[in-house]
Amino acid sequence: MIQLSPAAIGEVKRLRIKHLGAASGVLRITVSASGCAGLLYTLKFEPIAQPQDRVFICEDLQVAVDAQSFPTIDGLLLDYSEDLMGGGFRFHNPNAVQTCGCGNSFAVSAV
């Protein structure tokens, strides 16, 4: 399961309109082998989810995760917060055993 905090939902809705020019579309969360801790989160918008995606509904937002990424982020809570240095998404992943200082790179234990 993937969850978004109320703050993340508000920011995703704002960004979706900015990037897609529409109030519809899917937030895709992927994980790739990259970053200083080994794995890297990527967020992007797409018009529709793919048939093989796991799709989660958070309020009226669709969040799509591909089958390869899902095991490493199952249980993820995506949050958004702002401070004096700006705002950003925060990933709270119960599967991460190590995270980088940037908060976007992480590692999981070997299966």
N, C-alpha and C. Protein backbone atom coordinates (compact mmCIF):
# COMPACT_ATOMS: atom_id res chain seq x y z
N MET A 1 0.84 -1.18 0.00
CA MET A 1 0.00 0.00 0.00
C MET A 1 0.88 1.24 0.00
N ILE A 2 0.48 2.23 -0.73
CA ILE A 2 1.15 3.53 -0.79
C ILE A 2 0.17 4.57 -0.25
N GLN A 3 0.67 5.45 0.61
CA GLN A 3 -0.18 6.51 1.17
C GLN A 3 0.47 7.86 0.95
N LEU A 4 -0.36 8.89 0.85
CA LEU A 4 0.11 10.26 0.76
C LEU A 4 -0.50 11.05 1.90
N SER A 5 0.31 11.89 2.53
CA SER A 5 -0.20 12.76 3.59
C SER A 5 -1.07 13.85 2.95
N PRO A 6 -1.90 14.51 3.75
CA PRO A 6 -2.70 15.62 3.21
C PRO A 6 -1.84 16.71 2.56
N ALA A 7 -0.68 16.99 3.14
CA ALA A 7 0.21 18.00 2.54
C ALA A 7 0.74 17.53 1.20
N ALA A 8 1.09 16.26 1.08
CA ALA A 8 1.59 15.71 -0.19
C ALA A 8 0.48 15.72 -1.24
N ILE A 9 -0.73 15.38 -0.84
CA ILE A 9 -1.86 15.39 -1.78
C ILE A 9 -2.05 16.79 -2.35
N GLY A 10 -2.02 17.80 -1.50
CA GLY A 10 -2.18 19.17 -1.97
C GLY A 10 -1.09 19.59 -2.93
N GLU A 11 0.14 19.22 -2.63
CA GLU A 11 1.25 19.60 -3.51
C GLU A 11 1.21 18.82 -4.82
N VAL A 12 0.86 17.56 -4.78
CA VAL A 12 0.75 16.76 -6.00
C VAL A 12 -0.33 17.34 -6.91
N LYS A 13 -1.46 17.72 -6.34
CA LYS A 13 -2.53 18.32 -7.14
C LYS A 13 -2.06 19.62 -7.80
N ARG A 14 -1.35 20.45 -7.05
CA ARG A 14 -0.83 21.71 -7.60
C ARG A 14 0.14 21.44 -8.74
N LEU A 15 1.07 20.49 -8.53
CA LEU A 15 2.07 20.18 -9.54
C LEU A 15 1.47 19.50 -10.76
N ARG A 16 0.45 18.68 -10.55
CA ARG A 16 -0.19 17.98 -11.66
C ARG A 16 -0.78 18.99 -12.64
N ILE A 17 -1.45 20.01 -12.12
CA ILE A 17 -2.01 21.04 -13.00
C ILE A 17 -0.89 21.81 -13.71
N LYS A 18 0.17 22.09 -12.99
CA LYS A 18 1.30 22.82 -13.57
C LYS A 18 1.97 22.01 -14.68
N HIS A 19 2.19 20.71 -14.47
CA HIS A 19 2.94 19.90 -15.43
C HIS A 19 2.10 19.28 -16.52
N LEU A 20 0.89 18.88 -16.20
CA LEU A 20 0.02 18.26 -17.20
C LEU A 20 -0.97 19.24 -17.79
N GLY A 21 -1.17 20.37 -17.11
CA GLY A 21 -2.15 21.32 -17.58
C GLY A 21 -3.57 20.85 -17.38
N ALA A 22 -3.74 19.87 -16.51
CA ALA A 22 -5.07 19.30 -16.27
C ALA A 22 -5.16 18.83 -14.83
N ALA A 23 -6.40 18.69 -14.37
CA ALA A 23 -6.63 18.21 -13.01
C ALA A 23 -6.73 16.69 -12.96
N SER A 24 -6.38 16.02 -14.07
CA SER A 24 -6.38 14.57 -14.07
C SER A 24 -4.99 14.09 -14.48
N GLY A 25 -4.72 12.84 -14.22
CA GLY A 25 -3.42 12.26 -14.50
C GLY A 25 -2.98 11.43 -13.32
N VAL A 26 -1.94 10.68 -13.52
CA VAL A 26 -1.46 9.72 -12.53
C VAL A 26 -0.08 10.14 -12.03
N LEU A 27 0.12 10.05 -10.72
CA LEU A 27 1.45 10.23 -10.15
C LEU A 27 2.14 8.87 -10.17
N ARG A 28 3.26 8.77 -10.87
CA ARG A 28 4.01 7.52 -10.91
C ARG A 28 5.20 7.62 -9.96
N ILE A 29 5.34 6.61 -9.11
CA ILE A 29 6.49 6.49 -8.23
C ILE A 29 7.28 5.28 -8.70
N THR A 30 8.55 5.50 -9.03
CA THR A 30 9.41 4.40 -9.44
C THR A 30 10.67 4.39 -8.59
N VAL A 31 11.32 3.24 -8.61
CA VAL A 31 12.58 3.06 -7.93
C VAL A 31 13.57 2.56 -8.97
N SER A 32 14.76 3.17 -9.00
CA SER A 32 15.79 2.72 -9.93
C SER A 32 17.10 2.56 -9.19
N ALA A 33 17.98 1.76 -9.76
CA ALA A 33 19.31 1.55 -9.19
C ALA A 33 20.14 2.79 -9.48
N SER A 34 20.28 3.64 -8.47
CA SER A 34 21.01 4.89 -8.62
C SER A 34 21.11 5.54 -7.25
N GLY A 35 21.73 6.66 -7.19
CA GLY A 35 21.82 7.41 -5.93
C GLY A 35 22.94 6.91 -5.04
N CYS A 36 23.25 7.68 -4.02
CA CYS A 36 24.39 7.35 -3.17
C CYS A 36 24.13 6.18 -2.23
N ALA A 37 22.87 5.81 -1.99
CA ALA A 37 22.58 4.66 -1.13
C ALA A 37 22.21 3.42 -1.95
N GLY A 38 22.13 3.55 -3.27
CA GLY A 38 21.89 2.39 -4.11
C GLY A 38 20.58 2.41 -4.89
N LEU A 39 19.53 2.96 -4.30
CA LEU A 39 18.23 3.05 -4.97
C LEU A 39 17.74 4.49 -4.90
N LEU A 40 16.98 4.89 -5.91
CA LEU A 40 16.55 6.28 -6.00
C LEU A 40 15.06 6.34 -6.33
N TYR A 41 14.32 7.16 -5.59
CA TYR A 41 12.90 7.41 -5.87
C TYR A 41 12.80 8.39 -7.03
N THR A 42 11.81 8.18 -7.89
CA THR A 42 11.49 9.12 -8.95
C THR A 42 9.99 9.34 -8.95
N LEU A 43 9.59 10.59 -9.04
CA LEU A 43 8.17 10.97 -9.15
C LEU A 43 7.98 11.62 -10.50
N LYS A 44 6.92 11.23 -11.20
CA LYS A 44 6.57 11.90 -12.45
C LYS A 44 5.09 11.74 -12.71
N PHE A 45 4.59 12.58 -13.59
CA PHE A 45 3.17 12.52 -13.97
C PHE A 45 3.03 11.86 -15.32
N GLU A 46 1.96 11.09 -15.45
CA GLU A 46 1.60 10.46 -16.71
C GLU A 46 0.10 10.61 -16.90
N PRO A 47 -0.35 10.62 -18.15
CA PRO A 47 -1.79 10.77 -18.39
C PRO A 47 -2.62 9.62 -17.82
N ILE A 48 -2.12 8.37 -17.97
CA ILE A 48 -2.86 7.20 -17.48
C ILE A 48 -1.90 6.17 -16.91
N ALA A 49 -2.43 5.28 -16.07
CA ALA A 49 -1.65 4.17 -15.54
C ALA A 49 -1.57 3.06 -16.59
N GLN A 50 -0.57 2.23 -16.48
CA GLN A 50 -0.41 1.09 -17.37
C GLN A 50 -1.13 -0.13 -16.78
N PRO A 51 -1.58 -1.07 -17.61
CA PRO A 51 -2.34 -2.22 -17.11
C PRO A 51 -1.61 -3.05 -16.04
N GLN A 52 -0.29 -3.13 -16.10
CA GLN A 52 0.46 -3.95 -15.14
C GLN A 52 0.80 -3.20 -13.85
N ASP A 53 0.43 -1.93 -13.73
CA ASP A 53 0.73 -1.14 -12.54
C ASP A 53 -0.13 -1.53 -11.35
N ARG A 54 0.42 -1.33 -10.16
CA ARG A 54 -0.37 -1.33 -8.94
C ARG A 54 -0.84 0.12 -8.78
N VAL A 55 -2.14 0.33 -8.68
CA VAL A 55 -2.69 1.68 -8.58
C VAL A 55 -3.35 1.85 -7.22
N PHE A 56 -3.01 2.94 -6.56
CA PHE A 56 -3.55 3.26 -5.24
C PHE A 56 -4.29 4.58 -5.35
N ILE A 57 -5.41 4.68 -4.67
CA ILE A 57 -6.20 5.91 -4.67
C ILE A 57 -5.99 6.61 -3.33
N CYS A 58 -5.52 7.83 -3.40
CA CYS A 58 -5.31 8.67 -2.22
C CYS A 58 -6.18 9.90 -2.43
N GLU A 59 -7.30 9.94 -1.69
CA GLU A 59 -8.37 10.91 -1.95
C GLU A 59 -8.79 10.72 -3.40
N ASP A 60 -8.62 11.73 -4.24
CA ASP A 60 -9.00 11.58 -5.64
C ASP A 60 -7.78 11.48 -6.56
N LEU A 61 -6.63 11.18 -6.00
CA LEU A 61 -5.40 11.02 -6.78
C LEU A 61 -5.13 9.55 -7.05
N GLN A 62 -4.68 9.25 -8.26
CA GLN A 62 -4.21 7.91 -8.58
C GLN A 62 -2.70 7.90 -8.49
N VAL A 63 -2.17 6.92 -7.77
CA VAL A 63 -0.73 6.74 -7.64
C VAL A 63 -0.39 5.38 -8.24
N ALA A 64 0.48 5.37 -9.25
CA ALA A 64 0.84 4.14 -9.94
C ALA A 64 2.27 3.74 -9.57
N VAL A 65 2.44 2.42 -9.36
CA VAL A 65 3.75 1.86 -9.06
C VAL A 65 3.92 0.62 -9.93
N ASP A 66 5.06 0.52 -10.62
CA ASP A 66 5.29 -0.65 -11.45
C ASP A 66 5.63 -1.86 -10.57
N ALA A 67 5.46 -3.03 -11.12
CA ALA A 67 5.63 -4.28 -10.37
C ALA A 67 7.05 -4.44 -9.82
N GLN A 68 8.05 -3.96 -10.54
CA GLN A 68 9.43 -4.09 -10.09
C GLN A 68 9.72 -3.18 -8.89
N SER A 69 9.15 -1.99 -8.87
CA SER A 69 9.40 -1.04 -7.79
C SER A 69 8.60 -1.35 -6.53
N PHE A 70 7.43 -1.95 -6.70
CA PHE A 70 6.51 -2.09 -5.57
C PHE A 70 7.09 -2.79 -4.34
N PRO A 71 7.79 -3.93 -4.46
CA PRO A 71 8.26 -4.59 -3.23
C PRO A 71 9.17 -3.72 -2.36
N THR A 72 9.92 -2.81 -2.97
CA THR A 72 10.84 -1.98 -2.18
C THR A 72 10.16 -0.77 -1.54
N ILE A 73 8.93 -0.44 -1.99
CA ILE A 73 8.25 0.72 -1.41
C ILE A 73 6.87 0.39 -0.85
N ASP A 74 6.55 -0.88 -0.74
CA ASP A 74 5.26 -1.26 -0.13
C ASP A 74 5.20 -0.71 1.29
N GLY A 75 4.19 0.05 1.59
CA GLY A 75 4.05 0.68 2.91
C GLY A 75 4.54 2.11 2.95
N LEU A 76 4.99 2.65 1.82
CA LEU A 76 5.53 4.00 1.74
C LEU A 76 4.48 5.05 2.11
N LEU A 77 4.90 6.03 2.89
CA LEU A 77 4.11 7.24 3.15
C LEU A 77 4.88 8.39 2.52
N LEU A 78 4.26 9.05 1.55
CA LEU A 78 4.86 10.21 0.91
C LEU A 78 4.29 11.45 1.60
N ASP A 79 5.19 12.29 2.08
CA ASP A 79 4.81 13.51 2.79
C ASP A 79 5.41 14.70 2.05
N TYR A 80 4.94 15.87 2.37
CA TYR A 80 5.50 17.11 1.81
C TYR A 80 5.59 18.12 2.94
N SER A 81 6.72 18.80 3.01
CA SER A 81 6.86 19.83 4.03
C SER A 81 7.70 20.98 3.50
N GLU A 82 7.50 22.14 4.10
CA GLU A 82 8.24 23.33 3.73
C GLU A 82 8.97 23.86 4.96
N ASP A 83 10.14 24.42 4.71
CA ASP A 83 10.89 25.09 5.77
C ASP A 83 11.52 26.34 5.17
N LEU A 84 12.41 26.97 5.87
CA LEU A 84 13.02 28.20 5.39
C LEU A 84 13.86 28.00 4.13
N MET A 85 14.30 26.77 3.88
CA MET A 85 15.12 26.47 2.71
C MET A 85 14.28 26.06 1.50
N GLY A 86 12.96 25.95 1.68
CA GLY A 86 12.09 25.55 0.58
C GLY A 86 11.27 24.34 0.97
N GLY A 87 10.60 23.76 -0.02
CA GLY A 87 9.75 22.61 0.25
C GLY A 87 10.25 21.39 -0.50
N GLY A 88 9.76 20.25 -0.06
CA GLY A 88 10.14 19.03 -0.73
C GLY A 88 9.35 17.84 -0.23
N PHE A 89 9.34 16.80 -1.04
CA PHE A 89 8.69 15.56 -0.66
C PHE A 89 9.61 14.78 0.27
N ARG A 90 9.00 14.10 1.22
CA ARG A 90 9.72 13.26 2.18
C ARG A 90 9.19 11.84 2.04
N PHE A 91 10.08 10.89 1.92
CA PHE A 91 9.72 9.49 1.73
C PHE A 91 9.91 8.75 3.04
N HIS A 92 8.84 8.21 3.60
CA HIS A 92 8.90 7.41 4.82
C HIS A 92 8.64 5.96 4.40
N ASN A 93 9.73 5.23 4.20
CA ASN A 93 9.67 3.89 3.64
C ASN A 93 10.05 2.87 4.72
N PRO A 94 9.11 2.03 5.15
CA PRO A 94 9.43 1.05 6.19
C PRO A 94 10.42 -0.02 5.74
N ASN A 95 10.65 -0.15 4.44
CA ASN A 95 11.58 -1.14 3.91
C ASN A 95 13.01 -0.64 3.83
N ALA A 96 13.22 0.65 3.96
CA ALA A 96 14.56 1.23 3.85
C ALA A 96 15.37 0.93 5.11
N VAL A 97 16.55 0.38 4.91
CA VAL A 97 17.45 0.11 6.03
C VAL A 97 18.54 1.17 6.11
N GLN A 98 18.66 1.97 5.05
CA GLN A 98 19.63 3.06 5.00
C GLN A 98 19.07 4.14 4.10
N THR A 99 19.26 5.39 4.46
CA THR A 99 18.87 6.50 3.60
C THR A 99 20.03 7.47 3.48
N CYS A 100 20.03 8.19 2.40
CA CYS A 100 21.03 9.21 2.16
C CYS A 100 20.56 10.52 2.78
N GLY A 101 21.44 11.44 2.99
CA GLY A 101 21.08 12.74 3.54
C GLY A 101 20.10 13.51 2.67
N CYS A 102 20.11 13.25 1.36
CA CYS A 102 19.19 13.95 0.45
C CYS A 102 17.76 13.48 0.64
N GLY A 103 17.56 12.28 1.19
CA GLY A 103 16.23 11.75 1.42
C GLY A 103 15.61 11.07 0.22
N ASN A 104 16.26 11.13 -0.94
CA ASN A 104 15.72 10.51 -2.14
C ASN A 104 16.41 9.20 -2.49
N SER A 105 17.50 8.88 -1.84
CA SER A 105 18.22 7.66 -2.11
C SER A 105 18.16 6.77 -0.87
N PHE A 106 18.03 5.47 -1.10
CA PHE A 106 17.88 4.54 0.02
C PHE A 106 18.39 3.16 -0.34
N ALA A 107 18.47 2.31 0.65
CA ALA A 107 18.87 0.92 0.44
C ALA A 107 17.90 0.03 1.22
N VAL A 108 17.70 -1.17 0.73
CA VAL A 108 16.88 -2.17 1.40
C VAL A 108 17.77 -3.37 1.69
N SER A 109 17.36 -4.20 2.63
CA SER A 109 18.14 -5.39 2.93
C SER A 109 18.01 -6.38 1.79
N ALA A 110 19.01 -7.20 1.59
CA ALA A 110 18.98 -8.20 0.52
C ALA A 110 17.90 -9.23 0.81
N VAL A 111 17.24 -9.64 -0.24
CA VAL A 111 16.15 -10.61 -0.10
C VAL A 111 16.69 -12.00 -0.14
